[in-house]
């Protein structure tokens, strides 16, 4: 694969402490592959560098409430990734 996508409900400090996203990101670094996380919420953008991700794409932001994201995840992923 040229690019690896992984998902996370909430990218937060616990993500660094052993959530799946940290293992996927570590494996990608070892293989020299870029990794992007798609998360419901990105709590702290500094975690992108800490985890070694290329980027993290949140589904919830200042314009998109949690309720909308939960009701329309597929459409939001499509729109966010296209950006």
Protein backbone atom coordinates (compact mmCIF):
# COMPACT_ATOMS: atom_id res chain seq x y z
CA UNK A 1 0.00 0.00 0.00
CA UNK A 2 1.12 3.55 -0.70
CA UNK A 3 -0.99 5.07 2.08
CA UNK A 4 -2.55 3.58 5.20
CA UNK A 5 -5.76 4.90 6.75
CA UNK A 6 -6.74 4.05 10.30
CA UNK A 7 -9.71 5.11 12.37
CA UNK A 8 -10.28 6.26 15.90
CA UNK A 9 -13.35 7.54 17.71
CA UNK A 10 -11.34 10.14 19.61
CA UNK A 11 -7.70 10.96 19.01
CA UNK A 12 -6.53 11.89 22.51
CA UNK A 13 -3.74 11.20 25.01
CA UNK A 14 -5.00 7.62 25.42
CA UNK A 15 -4.28 7.10 21.71
CA UNK A 16 -0.57 7.34 22.50
CA UNK A 17 -0.90 4.80 25.31
CA UNK A 18 -1.86 1.78 23.25
CA UNK A 19 -5.03 2.36 21.26
CA UNK A 20 -5.07 0.68 17.85
CA UNK A 21 -4.09 3.90 16.08
CA UNK A 22 -0.75 3.95 17.90
CA UNK A 23 0.07 0.39 16.81
CA UNK A 24 -0.91 1.05 13.21
CA UNK A 25 1.11 4.28 13.15
CA UNK A 26 4.14 2.52 14.65
CA UNK A 27 4.00 -0.25 12.04
CA UNK A 28 3.68 2.35 9.26
CA UNK A 29 6.76 4.18 10.54
CA UNK A 30 8.70 0.89 10.62
CA UNK A 31 7.66 0.18 7.02
CA UNK A 32 8.23 3.75 5.83
CA UNK A 33 4.59 4.20 4.86
CA UNK A 34 2.48 7.32 5.46
CA UNK A 35 -0.49 6.89 7.80
CA UNK A 36 -3.54 9.13 8.19
CA UNK A 37 -6.07 8.74 10.99
CA UNK A 38 -9.74 9.49 10.47
CA UNK A 39 -11.22 10.29 13.87
CA UNK A 40 -14.54 11.40 15.22
CA UNK A 41 -12.72 14.03 17.27
CA UNK A 42 -9.09 15.15 17.18
CA UNK A 43 -8.63 16.44 20.71
CA UNK A 44 -5.05 17.66 20.32
CA UNK A 45 -3.38 18.20 16.91
CA UNK A 46 0.04 17.83 18.58
CA UNK A 47 -0.74 14.12 18.85
CA UNK A 48 -0.37 13.81 15.08
CA UNK A 49 3.39 14.32 15.40
CA UNK A 50 3.63 12.33 18.63
CA UNK A 51 2.03 9.32 16.93
CA UNK A 52 3.99 9.84 13.73
CA UNK A 53 0.91 10.29 11.57
CA UNK A 54 0.98 12.21 8.30
CA UNK A 55 -2.32 13.84 9.31
CA UNK A 56 -5.53 13.31 11.26
CA UNK A 57 -8.91 14.13 9.76
CA UNK A 58 -11.67 14.93 12.27
CA UNK A 59 -15.34 14.34 11.49
CA UNK A 60 -16.47 16.73 14.22
CA UNK A 61 -15.35 20.34 14.06
CA UNK A 62 -16.71 23.78 14.93
CA UNK A 63 -19.25 23.54 12.08
CA UNK A 64 -20.24 19.89 12.49
CA UNK A 65 -21.86 18.77 15.75
CA UNK A 66 -21.34 15.28 17.16
CA UNK A 67 -24.97 14.35 16.49
CA UNK A 68 -24.58 15.11 12.77
CA UNK A 69 -21.34 13.14 12.58
CA UNK A 70 -22.92 10.12 14.27
CA UNK A 71 -25.89 10.23 11.90
CA UNK A 72 -23.81 10.71 8.71
CA UNK A 73 -20.36 9.15 9.15
CA UNK A 74 -19.94 7.78 5.62
CA UNK A 75 -20.81 11.07 3.96
CA UNK A 76 -18.56 13.04 6.32
CA UNK A 77 -15.63 10.71 5.69
CA UNK A 78 -16.12 11.10 1.94
CA UNK A 79 -16.25 14.92 2.18
CA UNK A 80 -13.35 15.26 4.62
CA UNK A 81 -11.01 12.90 2.75
CA UNK A 82 -11.79 14.64 -0.56
CA UNK A 83 -10.51 17.91 0.94
